[in-house]
Amino acid sequence: MASTIASQGEAAKARLPLAYRDQCSALLIPLNKCRRQGNYMQWNCEHERHEYEKCQYDDLLRRMRQLSKIRKEQATAGDE
């Protein structure tokens, strides 16, 4: 699987706002390009949008698992 994180140079060139430079920023660049080329017609960029939203969902699950693991470690450290 290719990296889903865009470099700072790529993000700056694509004019991505800082808030959107996350784990899925490399997928947002082609999505925004497709949107601009297709005049923001929803059906033009379904594949790109699906990939981006799936990445966002997977990232959310990853962060939730990570938080759960941290809370478990803190709970076991607090019991000792």
N, C-alpha and C. Protein backbone atom coordinates (compact mmCIF):
# COMPACT_ATOMS: atom_id res chain seq x y z
N MET A 1 0.84 -1.19 0.00
CA MET A 1 0.00 0.00 0.00
C MET A 1 0.88 1.24 0.00
N ALA A 2 0.56 2.20 -0.81
CA ALA A 2 1.31 3.44 -0.89
C ALA A 2 1.05 4.29 0.35
N SER A 3 1.98 5.17 0.63
CA SER A 3 1.83 6.05 1.78
C SER A 3 0.64 6.98 1.58
N THR A 4 -0.08 7.22 2.64
CA THR A 4 -1.23 8.12 2.56
C THR A 4 -0.91 9.49 3.15
N ILE A 5 0.35 9.71 3.50
CA ILE A 5 0.76 10.98 4.07
C ILE A 5 1.53 11.77 3.02
N ALA A 6 1.06 12.94 2.70
CA ALA A 6 1.74 13.80 1.73
C ALA A 6 2.87 14.55 2.42
N SER A 7 3.94 14.79 1.68
CA SER A 7 5.04 15.57 2.24
C SER A 7 4.61 17.03 2.39
N GLN A 8 5.38 17.79 3.15
CA GLN A 8 5.05 19.20 3.35
C GLN A 8 5.04 19.95 2.02
N GLY A 9 5.99 19.60 1.15
CA GLY A 9 6.06 20.26 -0.15
C GLY A 9 4.84 19.96 -1.01
N GLU A 10 4.43 18.69 -1.03
CA GLU A 10 3.25 18.31 -1.81
C GLU A 10 2.00 19.00 -1.28
N ALA A 11 1.87 19.03 0.05
CA ALA A 11 0.70 19.66 0.66
C ALA A 11 0.68 21.16 0.39
N ALA A 12 1.83 21.79 0.46
CA ALA A 12 1.89 23.23 0.19
C ALA A 12 1.58 23.52 -1.27
N LYS A 13 2.11 22.68 -2.17
CA LYS A 13 1.86 22.88 -3.60
C LYS A 13 0.38 22.72 -3.92
N ALA A 14 -0.29 21.78 -3.24
CA ALA A 14 -1.72 21.54 -3.45
C ALA A 14 -2.58 22.52 -2.66
N ARG A 15 -1.93 23.39 -1.88
CA ARG A 15 -2.62 24.39 -1.07
C ARG A 15 -3.61 23.76 -0.09
N LEU A 16 -3.18 22.68 0.56
CA LEU A 16 -4.02 22.05 1.59
C LEU A 16 -3.94 22.88 2.86
N PRO A 17 -5.07 23.17 3.49
CA PRO A 17 -5.04 23.85 4.78
C PRO A 17 -4.34 22.97 5.82
N LEU A 18 -3.74 23.58 6.82
CA LEU A 18 -3.01 22.83 7.84
C LEU A 18 -3.90 21.80 8.53
N ALA A 19 -5.15 22.11 8.72
CA ALA A 19 -6.07 21.20 9.41
C ALA A 19 -6.28 19.90 8.65
N TYR A 20 -6.04 19.89 7.35
CA TYR A 20 -6.27 18.70 6.54
C TYR A 20 -4.98 17.94 6.23
N ARG A 21 -3.87 18.35 6.80
CA ARG A 21 -2.59 17.67 6.56
C ARG A 21 -2.43 16.59 7.62
N ASP A 22 -3.19 15.52 7.44
CA ASP A 22 -3.19 14.43 8.40
C ASP A 22 -2.72 13.15 7.73
N GLN A 23 -3.11 12.01 8.30
CA GLN A 23 -2.69 10.70 7.79
C GLN A 23 -3.20 10.44 6.38
N CYS A 24 -4.23 11.11 5.95
CA CYS A 24 -4.85 10.84 4.65
C CYS A 24 -4.65 11.97 3.65
N SER A 25 -3.70 12.83 3.91
CA SER A 25 -3.53 14.01 3.07
C SER A 25 -3.15 13.67 1.63
N ALA A 26 -2.42 12.58 1.42
CA ALA A 26 -2.04 12.20 0.05
C ALA A 26 -3.25 11.78 -0.77
N LEU A 27 -4.31 11.34 -0.12
CA LEU A 27 -5.53 10.97 -0.84
C LEU A 27 -6.43 12.17 -1.08
N LEU A 28 -6.27 13.19 -0.26
CA LEU A 28 -7.09 14.39 -0.42
C LEU A 28 -6.64 15.22 -1.62
N ILE A 29 -5.37 15.19 -1.93
CA ILE A 29 -4.84 15.99 -3.05
C ILE A 29 -5.51 15.60 -4.37
N PRO A 30 -5.51 14.30 -4.75
CA PRO A 30 -6.19 13.96 -6.02
C PRO A 30 -7.70 14.15 -5.95
N LEU A 31 -8.29 14.01 -4.77
CA LEU A 31 -9.73 14.24 -4.63
C LEU A 31 -10.06 15.70 -4.90
N ASN A 32 -9.30 16.60 -4.32
CA ASN A 32 -9.55 18.03 -4.55
C ASN A 32 -9.30 18.41 -6.01
N LYS A 33 -8.28 17.81 -6.61
CA LYS A 33 -7.99 18.07 -8.02
C LYS A 33 -9.16 17.61 -8.89
N CYS A 34 -9.68 16.42 -8.61
CA CYS A 34 -10.82 15.89 -9.35
C CYS A 34 -12.04 16.78 -9.15
N ARG A 35 -12.25 17.24 -7.94
CA ARG A 35 -13.39 18.12 -7.66
C ARG A 35 -13.30 19.41 -8.47
N ARG A 36 -12.12 20.01 -8.51
CA ARG A 36 -11.96 21.25 -9.27
C ARG A 36 -12.16 21.02 -10.76
N GLN A 37 -11.63 19.92 -11.28
CA GLN A 37 -11.76 19.64 -12.71
C GLN A 37 -13.20 19.32 -13.09
N GLY A 38 -13.95 18.71 -12.17
CA GLY A 38 -15.32 18.32 -12.47
C GLY A 38 -16.37 19.28 -11.96
N ASN A 39 -15.96 20.51 -11.60
CA ASN A 39 -16.90 21.52 -11.10
C ASN A 39 -17.70 21.03 -9.90
N TYR A 40 -17.07 20.26 -9.06
CA TYR A 40 -17.65 19.77 -7.80
C TYR A 40 -18.91 18.93 -7.98
N MET A 41 -19.04 18.28 -9.13
CA MET A 41 -20.15 17.35 -9.33
C MET A 41 -19.88 16.10 -8.49
N GLN A 42 -20.83 15.72 -7.66
CA GLN A 42 -20.62 14.65 -6.69
C GLN A 42 -20.27 13.32 -7.33
N TRP A 43 -20.84 13.02 -8.45
CA TRP A 43 -20.66 11.70 -9.06
C TRP A 43 -19.36 11.57 -9.84
N ASN A 44 -18.67 12.68 -10.08
CA ASN A 44 -17.42 12.62 -10.85
C ASN A 44 -16.28 11.97 -10.08
N CYS A 45 -16.25 12.12 -8.78
CA CYS A 45 -15.08 11.70 -7.99
C CYS A 45 -15.45 10.69 -6.91
N GLU A 46 -16.39 9.82 -7.21
CA GLU A 46 -16.85 8.86 -6.20
C GLU A 46 -15.72 7.97 -5.70
N HIS A 47 -14.89 7.47 -6.61
CA HIS A 47 -13.82 6.56 -6.21
C HIS A 47 -12.81 7.26 -5.29
N GLU A 48 -12.39 8.46 -5.66
CA GLU A 48 -11.43 9.20 -4.84
C GLU A 48 -12.02 9.55 -3.48
N ARG A 49 -13.30 9.94 -3.48
CA ARG A 49 -13.95 10.28 -2.21
C ARG A 49 -14.06 9.07 -1.31
N HIS A 50 -14.40 7.91 -1.89
CA HIS A 50 -14.51 6.69 -1.10
C HIS A 50 -13.16 6.32 -0.49
N GLU A 51 -12.09 6.41 -1.26
CA GLU A 51 -10.76 6.10 -0.73
C GLU A 51 -10.40 7.03 0.41
N TYR A 52 -10.68 8.32 0.26
CA TYR A 52 -10.35 9.30 1.29
C TYR A 52 -11.17 9.06 2.55
N GLU A 53 -12.46 8.84 2.41
CA GLU A 53 -13.32 8.61 3.58
C GLU A 53 -12.97 7.30 4.28
N LYS A 54 -12.59 6.27 3.53
CA LYS A 54 -12.17 5.00 4.13
C LYS A 54 -10.89 5.20 4.93
N CYS A 55 -9.97 5.98 4.39
CA CYS A 55 -8.74 6.28 5.11
C CYS A 55 -9.04 7.03 6.40
N GLN A 56 -9.94 8.00 6.34
CA GLN A 56 -10.32 8.75 7.54
C GLN A 56 -10.93 7.83 8.60
N TYR A 57 -11.78 6.91 8.16
CA TYR A 57 -12.42 5.97 9.08
C TYR A 57 -11.38 5.04 9.70
N ASP A 58 -10.47 4.50 8.89
CA ASP A 58 -9.42 3.63 9.41
C ASP A 58 -8.53 4.36 10.40
N ASP A 59 -8.25 5.63 10.13
CA ASP A 59 -7.43 6.43 11.03
C ASP A 59 -8.16 6.65 12.35
N LEU A 60 -9.47 6.89 12.30
CA LEU A 60 -10.26 7.04 13.52
C LEU A 60 -10.20 5.77 14.36
N LEU A 61 -10.38 4.62 13.72
CA LEU A 61 -10.31 3.35 14.45
C LEU A 61 -8.93 3.14 15.07
N ARG A 62 -7.88 3.47 14.33
CA ARG A 62 -6.52 3.32 14.83
C ARG A 62 -6.30 4.19 16.07
N ARG A 63 -6.77 5.44 16.02
CA ARG A 63 -6.61 6.33 17.16
C ARG A 63 -7.43 5.88 18.36
N MET A 64 -8.62 5.32 18.11
CA MET A 64 -9.46 4.82 19.21
C MET A 64 -8.79 3.62 19.89
N ARG A 65 -8.20 2.71 19.09
CA ARG A 65 -7.49 1.56 19.67
C ARG A 65 -6.28 2.02 20.47
N GLN A 66 -5.59 3.01 19.95
CA GLN A 66 -4.42 3.54 20.64
C GLN A 66 -4.82 4.18 21.97
N LEU A 67 -5.90 4.93 21.99
CA LEU A 67 -6.38 5.56 23.22
C LEU A 67 -6.82 4.50 24.22
N SER A 68 -7.50 3.46 23.75
CA SER A 68 -7.93 2.39 24.63
C SER A 68 -6.72 1.70 25.27
N LYS A 69 -5.69 1.47 24.49
CA LYS A 69 -4.48 0.83 25.00
C LYS A 69 -3.81 1.71 26.06
N ILE A 70 -3.75 3.01 25.81
CA ILE A 70 -3.15 3.93 26.78
C ILE A 70 -3.95 3.94 28.07
N ARG A 71 -5.27 3.96 27.97
CA ARG A 71 -6.11 3.96 29.17
C ARG A 71 -5.94 2.67 29.97
N LYS A 72 -5.81 1.53 29.28
CA LYS A 72 -5.59 0.27 29.98
C LYS A 72 -4.26 0.29 30.72
N GLU A 73 -3.22 0.81 30.07
CA GLU A 73 -1.91 0.89 30.70
C GLU A 73 -1.95 1.81 31.92
N GLN A 74 -2.67 2.91 31.82
CA GLN A 74 -2.78 3.83 32.95
C GLN A 74 -3.56 3.19 34.09
N ALA A 75 -4.59 2.42 33.76
CA ALA A 75 -5.39 1.76 34.79
C ALA A 75 -4.57 0.71 35.52
N THR A 76 -3.78 -0.07 34.78
CA THR A 76 -2.96 -1.09 35.43
C THR A 76 -1.82 -0.45 36.22
N ALA A 77 -1.30 0.68 35.75
CA ALA A 77 -0.25 1.38 36.49
C ALA A 77 -0.82 2.01 37.76
N GLY A 78 -2.07 2.43 37.72
CA GLY A 78 -2.71 3.02 38.89
C GLY A 78 -3.05 1.99 39.95
N ASP A 79 -3.29 0.74 39.55
CA ASP A 79 -3.62 -0.32 40.49
C ASP A 79 -2.41 -0.78 41.28
N GLU A 80 -1.24 -0.61 40.71
CA GLU A 80 -0.02 -1.11 41.37
C GLU A 80 0.49 -0.20 42.41
